[in-house]
N, C-alpha and C. Protein backbone atom coordinates (compact mmCIF):
# COMPACT_ATOMS: atom_id res chain seq x y z
N MET A 1 0.83 -1.19 0.00
CA MET A 1 0.00 0.00 0.00
C MET A 1 0.87 1.25 0.00
N LYS A 2 1.97 1.21 0.80
CA LYS A 2 2.87 2.35 0.87
C LYS A 2 3.50 2.60 -0.51
N ARG A 3 3.83 1.53 -1.20
CA ARG A 3 4.44 1.64 -2.52
C ARG A 3 3.45 2.27 -3.51
N LEU A 4 2.18 1.89 -3.44
CA LEU A 4 1.15 2.45 -4.30
C LEU A 4 0.96 3.94 -4.02
N THR A 5 1.00 4.32 -2.75
CA THR A 5 0.87 5.73 -2.37
C THR A 5 2.04 6.53 -2.92
N MET A 6 3.25 6.00 -2.83
CA MET A 6 4.43 6.69 -3.34
C MET A 6 4.36 6.83 -4.86
N LEU A 7 3.88 5.80 -5.54
CA LEU A 7 3.74 5.84 -6.99
C LEU A 7 2.72 6.89 -7.40
N ALA A 8 1.60 6.93 -6.70
CA ALA A 8 0.55 7.92 -7.00
C ALA A 8 1.09 9.34 -6.77
N ALA A 9 1.84 9.55 -5.69
CA ALA A 9 2.41 10.86 -5.40
C ALA A 9 3.40 11.27 -6.49
N ALA A 10 4.22 10.34 -6.93
CA ALA A 10 5.19 10.63 -8.00
C ALA A 10 4.47 10.99 -9.30
N LEU A 11 3.39 10.28 -9.61
CA LEU A 11 2.62 10.56 -10.81
C LEU A 11 1.99 11.95 -10.74
N LEU A 12 1.43 12.31 -9.60
CA LEU A 12 0.83 13.64 -9.44
C LEU A 12 1.88 14.74 -9.58
N LEU A 13 3.04 14.54 -9.01
CA LEU A 13 4.11 15.54 -9.15
C LEU A 13 4.54 15.68 -10.60
N THR A 14 4.61 14.60 -11.32
CA THR A 14 4.97 14.63 -12.74
C THR A 14 3.93 15.38 -13.54
N LEU A 15 2.65 15.07 -13.32
CA LEU A 15 1.58 15.75 -14.04
C LEU A 15 1.53 17.23 -13.69
N ALA A 16 1.80 17.57 -12.45
CA ALA A 16 1.80 18.98 -12.04
C ALA A 16 2.91 19.75 -12.73
N ALA A 17 3.99 19.10 -13.08
CA ALA A 17 5.13 19.77 -13.72
C ALA A 17 4.92 19.99 -15.22
N VAL A 18 3.98 19.28 -15.83
CA VAL A 18 3.78 19.39 -17.28
C VAL A 18 3.44 20.81 -17.72
N PRO A 19 2.48 21.52 -17.10
CA PRO A 19 2.20 22.89 -17.57
C PRO A 19 3.43 23.79 -17.47
N PHE A 20 4.25 23.63 -16.43
CA PHE A 20 5.45 24.45 -16.30
C PHE A 20 6.43 24.14 -17.41
N ALA A 21 6.57 22.90 -17.78
CA ALA A 21 7.47 22.52 -18.87
C ALA A 21 6.98 23.09 -20.19
N LEU A 22 5.66 23.04 -20.44
CA LEU A 22 5.11 23.59 -21.67
C LEU A 22 5.28 25.11 -21.70
N ALA A 23 5.05 25.77 -20.58
CA ALA A 23 5.20 27.22 -20.53
C ALA A 23 6.64 27.64 -20.75
N ALA A 24 7.58 26.86 -20.28
CA ALA A 24 8.99 27.21 -20.44
C ALA A 24 9.41 27.15 -21.90
N ALA A 25 8.71 26.39 -22.70
CA ALA A 25 9.08 26.24 -24.11
C ALA A 25 8.55 27.38 -24.97
N GLY A 26 7.64 28.17 -24.49
CA GLY A 26 7.08 29.24 -25.28
C GLY A 26 5.88 28.78 -26.09
N PRO A 27 5.21 29.73 -26.74
CA PRO A 27 4.03 29.37 -27.53
C PRO A 27 4.34 28.37 -28.64
N GLY A 28 5.47 28.51 -29.32
CA GLY A 28 5.86 27.53 -30.33
C GLY A 28 6.03 28.12 -31.71
N LYS A 29 6.00 27.23 -32.70
CA LYS A 29 6.17 27.61 -34.09
C LYS A 29 4.83 27.39 -34.81
N PHE A 30 4.45 28.35 -35.64
CA PHE A 30 3.15 28.33 -36.29
C PHE A 30 3.30 28.59 -37.78
N GLU A 31 2.30 28.15 -38.55
CA GLU A 31 2.31 28.41 -39.98
C GLU A 31 0.94 28.87 -40.45
N THR A 32 0.94 29.59 -41.56
CA THR A 32 -0.29 29.99 -42.24
C THR A 32 0.04 30.10 -43.72
N LYS A 33 -0.98 30.15 -44.54
CA LYS A 33 -0.75 30.30 -45.98
C LYS A 33 -1.63 31.43 -46.49
N LEU A 34 -0.99 32.41 -47.10
CA LEU A 34 -1.72 33.52 -47.68
C LEU A 34 -2.00 33.22 -49.14
N THR A 35 -3.23 33.51 -49.55
CA THR A 35 -3.62 33.35 -50.94
C THR A 35 -4.60 34.45 -51.29
N GLY A 36 -4.63 34.83 -52.53
CA GLY A 36 -5.60 35.81 -53.00
C GLY A 36 -4.94 36.95 -53.72
N LYS A 37 -5.77 37.71 -54.37
CA LYS A 37 -5.27 38.83 -55.15
C LYS A 37 -5.74 40.17 -54.58
N GLY A 38 -6.29 40.14 -53.37
CA GLY A 38 -6.81 41.37 -52.78
C GLY A 38 -5.72 42.22 -52.15
N ALA A 39 -6.14 43.38 -51.66
CA ALA A 39 -5.20 44.32 -51.05
C ALA A 39 -4.51 43.74 -49.82
N ASN A 40 -5.20 42.86 -49.08
CA ASN A 40 -4.60 42.31 -47.85
C ASN A 40 -3.52 41.28 -48.12
N THR A 41 -3.26 40.96 -49.38
CA THR A 41 -2.13 40.09 -49.72
C THR A 41 -1.19 40.83 -50.68
N GLU A 42 -1.29 42.15 -50.69
CA GLU A 42 -0.50 42.98 -51.60
C GLU A 42 -0.70 42.49 -53.03
N HIS A 43 -1.97 42.18 -53.36
CA HIS A 43 -2.37 41.72 -54.70
C HIS A 43 -1.60 40.48 -55.13
N GLY A 44 -1.38 39.56 -54.18
CA GLY A 44 -0.73 38.29 -54.46
C GLY A 44 0.75 38.26 -54.12
N ALA A 45 1.36 39.41 -53.85
CA ALA A 45 2.80 39.45 -53.57
C ALA A 45 3.16 38.77 -52.25
N LEU A 46 2.21 38.64 -51.34
CA LEU A 46 2.47 37.99 -50.06
C LEU A 46 2.03 36.53 -50.05
N ASP A 47 1.50 36.04 -51.16
CA ASP A 47 1.00 34.67 -51.22
C ASP A 47 2.11 33.66 -50.93
N GLY A 48 1.72 32.60 -50.25
CA GLY A 48 2.64 31.52 -49.96
C GLY A 48 2.62 31.15 -48.50
N PRO A 49 3.44 30.18 -48.14
CA PRO A 49 3.49 29.73 -46.74
C PRO A 49 4.35 30.65 -45.88
N TRP A 50 3.84 30.95 -44.70
CA TRP A 50 4.53 31.79 -43.72
C TRP A 50 4.70 30.98 -42.44
N THR A 51 5.81 31.17 -41.75
CA THR A 51 6.00 30.56 -40.42
C THR A 51 6.39 31.65 -39.44
N LEU A 52 5.97 31.47 -38.22
CA LEU A 52 6.25 32.40 -37.13
C LEU A 52 6.76 31.58 -35.96
N ASP A 53 7.95 31.91 -35.47
CA ASP A 53 8.56 31.16 -34.38
C ASP A 53 8.63 32.02 -33.13
N LEU A 54 7.88 31.61 -32.11
CA LEU A 54 7.86 32.26 -30.80
C LEU A 54 8.35 31.23 -29.79
N ALA A 55 9.66 31.05 -29.74
CA ALA A 55 10.25 29.94 -29.00
C ALA A 55 10.30 30.14 -27.49
N ASN A 56 10.33 31.37 -27.03
CA ASN A 56 10.47 31.63 -25.60
C ASN A 56 9.13 32.00 -24.97
N PRO A 57 8.95 31.75 -23.68
CA PRO A 57 7.64 31.92 -23.06
C PRO A 57 7.13 33.36 -22.99
N THR A 58 7.98 34.34 -22.73
CA THR A 58 7.47 35.70 -22.56
C THR A 58 8.13 36.73 -23.45
N SER A 59 9.33 36.44 -23.96
CA SER A 59 10.00 37.38 -24.85
C SER A 59 11.16 36.68 -25.53
N GLY A 60 11.58 37.27 -26.64
CA GLY A 60 12.72 36.69 -27.34
C GLY A 60 12.79 37.17 -28.76
N PRO A 61 13.65 36.54 -29.54
CA PRO A 61 13.78 36.92 -30.95
C PRO A 61 12.57 36.44 -31.75
N LEU A 62 12.12 37.29 -32.65
CA LEU A 62 11.00 36.98 -33.51
C LEU A 62 11.54 36.51 -34.86
N LYS A 63 11.08 35.36 -35.30
CA LYS A 63 11.51 34.82 -36.60
C LYS A 63 10.27 34.61 -37.46
N LEU A 64 10.22 35.34 -38.57
CA LEU A 64 9.11 35.25 -39.50
C LEU A 64 9.68 34.88 -40.87
N THR A 65 9.22 33.76 -41.43
CA THR A 65 9.73 33.35 -42.73
C THR A 65 8.60 33.25 -43.74
N TRP A 66 8.95 33.47 -45.01
CA TRP A 66 8.03 33.38 -46.13
C TRP A 66 8.68 32.51 -47.19
N ASN A 67 8.00 31.46 -47.60
CA ASN A 67 8.56 30.51 -48.57
C ASN A 67 9.94 30.02 -48.14
N GLY A 68 10.13 29.85 -46.84
CA GLY A 68 11.39 29.33 -46.32
C GLY A 68 12.50 30.35 -46.15
N HIS A 69 12.23 31.61 -46.46
CA HIS A 69 13.25 32.66 -46.36
C HIS A 69 12.89 33.63 -45.25
N LEU A 70 13.88 34.04 -44.46
CA LEU A 70 13.64 35.01 -43.39
C LEU A 70 13.09 36.29 -43.99
N LYS A 71 11.91 36.68 -43.55
CA LYS A 71 11.24 37.85 -44.11
C LYS A 71 11.16 38.98 -43.09
N GLY A 72 11.08 38.64 -41.83
CA GLY A 72 10.96 39.66 -40.80
C GLY A 72 11.60 39.16 -39.54
N GLY A 73 11.92 40.08 -38.72
CA GLY A 73 12.54 39.70 -37.46
C GLY A 73 12.48 40.85 -36.49
N GLY A 74 13.09 40.65 -35.38
CA GLY A 74 13.07 41.62 -34.31
C GLY A 74 12.90 40.91 -32.99
N LYS A 75 12.11 41.51 -32.14
CA LYS A 75 11.87 40.94 -30.81
C LYS A 75 10.37 40.96 -30.51
N TYR A 76 9.98 40.06 -29.61
CA TYR A 76 8.60 40.08 -29.13
C TYR A 76 8.60 40.01 -27.62
N ALA A 77 7.53 40.54 -27.03
CA ALA A 77 7.31 40.47 -25.59
C ALA A 77 5.84 40.18 -25.36
N ILE A 78 5.57 39.15 -24.55
CA ILE A 78 4.20 38.75 -24.26
C ILE A 78 3.85 39.14 -22.83
N SER A 79 2.69 39.76 -22.68
CA SER A 79 2.15 40.09 -21.37
C SER A 79 0.67 39.72 -21.38
N GLY A 80 0.34 38.64 -20.68
CA GLY A 80 -1.04 38.17 -20.69
C GLY A 80 -1.43 37.72 -22.08
N THR A 81 -2.43 38.37 -22.67
CA THR A 81 -2.87 38.03 -24.03
C THR A 81 -2.48 39.12 -25.03
N THR A 82 -1.46 39.89 -24.68
CA THR A 82 -0.96 40.94 -25.57
C THR A 82 0.47 40.63 -25.96
N ILE A 83 0.79 40.84 -27.24
CA ILE A 83 2.15 40.66 -27.72
C ILE A 83 2.61 41.97 -28.35
N THR A 84 3.81 42.41 -27.98
CA THR A 84 4.41 43.61 -28.54
C THR A 84 5.54 43.16 -29.45
N LEU A 85 5.55 43.67 -30.67
CA LEU A 85 6.53 43.30 -31.68
C LEU A 85 7.42 44.51 -31.97
N THR A 86 8.70 44.34 -31.79
CA THR A 86 9.68 45.39 -32.07
C THR A 86 10.51 44.94 -33.27
N PRO A 87 10.43 45.67 -34.39
CA PRO A 87 11.13 45.22 -35.59
C PRO A 87 12.64 45.40 -35.48
N LYS A 88 13.36 44.61 -36.28
CA LYS A 88 14.81 44.76 -36.35
C LYS A 88 15.13 46.03 -37.14
N LYS A 89 16.28 46.59 -36.87
CA LYS A 89 16.71 47.78 -37.61
C LYS A 89 16.94 47.41 -39.06
N GLY A 90 16.51 48.28 -39.95
CA GLY A 90 16.70 48.05 -41.37
C GLY A 90 15.63 47.19 -42.02
N GLY A 91 14.66 46.73 -41.24
CA GLY A 91 13.59 45.91 -41.79
C GLY A 91 12.52 46.75 -42.47
N GLU A 92 11.58 46.08 -43.11
CA GLU A 92 10.51 46.78 -43.82
C GLU A 92 9.61 47.56 -42.87
N CYS A 93 9.28 46.98 -41.73
CA CYS A 93 8.46 47.66 -40.73
C CYS A 93 9.38 48.47 -39.82
N LYS A 94 9.00 49.71 -39.58
CA LYS A 94 9.85 50.63 -38.80
C LYS A 94 9.32 50.87 -37.38
N THR A 95 8.06 50.51 -37.13
CA THR A 95 7.41 50.84 -35.87
C THR A 95 7.09 49.60 -35.04
N THR A 96 7.01 49.80 -33.74
CA THR A 96 6.59 48.76 -32.82
C THR A 96 5.08 48.55 -32.96
N ALA A 97 4.65 47.32 -32.83
CA ALA A 97 3.23 46.99 -32.95
C ALA A 97 2.76 46.26 -31.71
N LYS A 98 1.46 46.36 -31.47
CA LYS A 98 0.86 45.66 -30.33
C LYS A 98 -0.39 44.94 -30.83
N TYR A 99 -0.49 43.65 -30.45
CA TYR A 99 -1.62 42.81 -30.85
C TYR A 99 -2.19 42.08 -29.65
N ALA A 100 -3.49 41.85 -29.68
CA ALA A 100 -4.11 40.87 -28.79
C ALA A 100 -3.98 39.54 -29.53
N PHE A 101 -3.69 38.48 -28.79
CA PHE A 101 -3.61 37.18 -29.45
C PHE A 101 -4.39 36.16 -28.63
N LYS A 102 -4.81 35.11 -29.35
CA LYS A 102 -5.54 34.03 -28.70
C LYS A 102 -4.98 32.72 -29.21
N LEU A 103 -4.56 31.88 -28.28
CA LEU A 103 -4.08 30.55 -28.60
C LEU A 103 -5.11 29.56 -28.09
N SER A 104 -5.77 28.88 -29.01
CA SER A 104 -6.80 27.92 -28.66
C SER A 104 -6.43 26.58 -29.29
N GLY A 105 -5.96 25.66 -28.46
CA GLY A 105 -5.46 24.39 -28.99
C GLY A 105 -4.23 24.65 -29.82
N LYS A 106 -4.29 24.33 -31.11
CA LYS A 106 -3.16 24.54 -32.01
C LYS A 106 -3.37 25.76 -32.91
N THR A 107 -4.40 26.56 -32.62
CA THR A 107 -4.73 27.70 -33.47
C THR A 107 -4.39 29.02 -32.77
N LEU A 108 -3.65 29.86 -33.47
CA LEU A 108 -3.24 31.17 -32.97
C LEU A 108 -3.83 32.24 -33.88
N THR A 109 -4.48 33.24 -33.28
CA THR A 109 -5.02 34.36 -34.04
C THR A 109 -4.55 35.67 -33.42
N PHE A 110 -4.45 36.68 -34.28
CA PHE A 110 -4.01 38.01 -33.86
C PHE A 110 -5.07 39.05 -34.18
N THR A 111 -5.27 40.00 -33.26
CA THR A 111 -6.15 41.14 -33.47
C THR A 111 -5.31 42.39 -33.21
N PRO A 112 -5.18 43.28 -34.20
CA PRO A 112 -4.33 44.45 -34.00
C PRO A 112 -4.89 45.41 -32.95
N ILE A 113 -4.02 45.86 -32.09
CA ILE A 113 -4.34 46.93 -31.15
C ILE A 113 -3.76 48.23 -31.73
N LYS A 114 -2.49 48.13 -32.17
CA LYS A 114 -1.82 49.27 -32.81
C LYS A 114 -0.72 48.73 -33.72
N ASP A 115 -0.85 49.00 -35.01
CA ASP A 115 0.18 48.61 -35.97
C ASP A 115 0.06 49.49 -37.20
N THR A 116 1.08 50.28 -37.49
CA THR A 116 1.07 51.15 -38.65
C THR A 116 1.73 50.52 -39.87
N CYS A 117 2.26 49.31 -39.73
CA CYS A 117 2.91 48.61 -40.84
C CYS A 117 1.89 47.67 -41.50
N ALA A 118 1.41 48.08 -42.68
CA ALA A 118 0.34 47.34 -43.35
C ALA A 118 0.74 45.91 -43.70
N VAL A 119 1.96 45.70 -44.15
CA VAL A 119 2.39 44.35 -44.54
C VAL A 119 2.38 43.42 -43.33
N ARG A 120 2.95 43.85 -42.22
CA ARG A 120 2.97 43.02 -41.01
C ARG A 120 1.54 42.73 -40.56
N ARG A 121 0.69 43.76 -40.55
CA ARG A 121 -0.70 43.58 -40.12
C ARG A 121 -1.43 42.60 -41.05
N ASP A 122 -1.21 42.73 -42.35
CA ASP A 122 -1.88 41.84 -43.30
C ASP A 122 -1.44 40.39 -43.13
N VAL A 123 -0.15 40.17 -42.91
CA VAL A 123 0.36 38.81 -42.73
C VAL A 123 -0.17 38.20 -41.44
N LEU A 124 -0.09 38.94 -40.34
CA LEU A 124 -0.49 38.38 -39.05
C LEU A 124 -1.99 38.12 -38.95
N THR A 125 -2.79 38.96 -39.61
CA THR A 125 -4.24 38.85 -39.43
C THR A 125 -4.96 38.21 -40.62
N HIS A 126 -4.23 37.75 -41.63
CA HIS A 126 -4.85 37.17 -42.82
C HIS A 126 -5.76 35.99 -42.46
N GLY A 127 -5.32 35.17 -41.55
CA GLY A 127 -6.11 34.01 -41.15
C GLY A 127 -5.47 33.36 -39.95
N PRO A 128 -6.02 32.26 -39.50
CA PRO A 128 -5.43 31.61 -38.32
C PRO A 128 -4.07 31.00 -38.63
N TRP A 129 -3.25 30.92 -37.61
CA TRP A 129 -1.94 30.26 -37.66
C TRP A 129 -2.10 28.92 -36.97
N THR A 130 -1.49 27.89 -37.51
CA THR A 130 -1.58 26.54 -36.96
C THR A 130 -0.24 26.13 -36.38
N LYS A 131 -0.27 25.59 -35.17
CA LYS A 131 0.97 25.17 -34.49
C LYS A 131 1.59 23.99 -35.22
N ILE A 132 2.90 24.11 -35.48
CA ILE A 132 3.63 23.03 -36.14
C ILE A 132 4.81 22.53 -35.30
N GLY A 133 5.11 23.19 -34.23
CA GLY A 133 6.24 22.78 -33.40
C GLY A 133 6.23 23.38 -32.05
């Protein structure tokens, strides 16, 4: 009986640690695919697969790729359900942006709070992002 109690306690401690381990890894890596000829895809110029890597739990380097090529970068900081994006120097976007985000299962969506960079806003809000890693 004592052995069963110790096993149950060990299992509970392991399960309790799982959320902390997931949080330490960050939100993860996500993908989306832009298609269309409308203004929100720069009339097709933004079409293709995009990936977004948010590897750290609350802040870190932002990696945004398009068709496998680094397209954007900088830093991100997460506070609650808000993410602040600071672009790298020399990039297409010059201003810091702020978005509300929602992660539901493997689906990530962004709602702009403040973003003056149309290309970044169009890419992030075109559709849902799906977790791939």
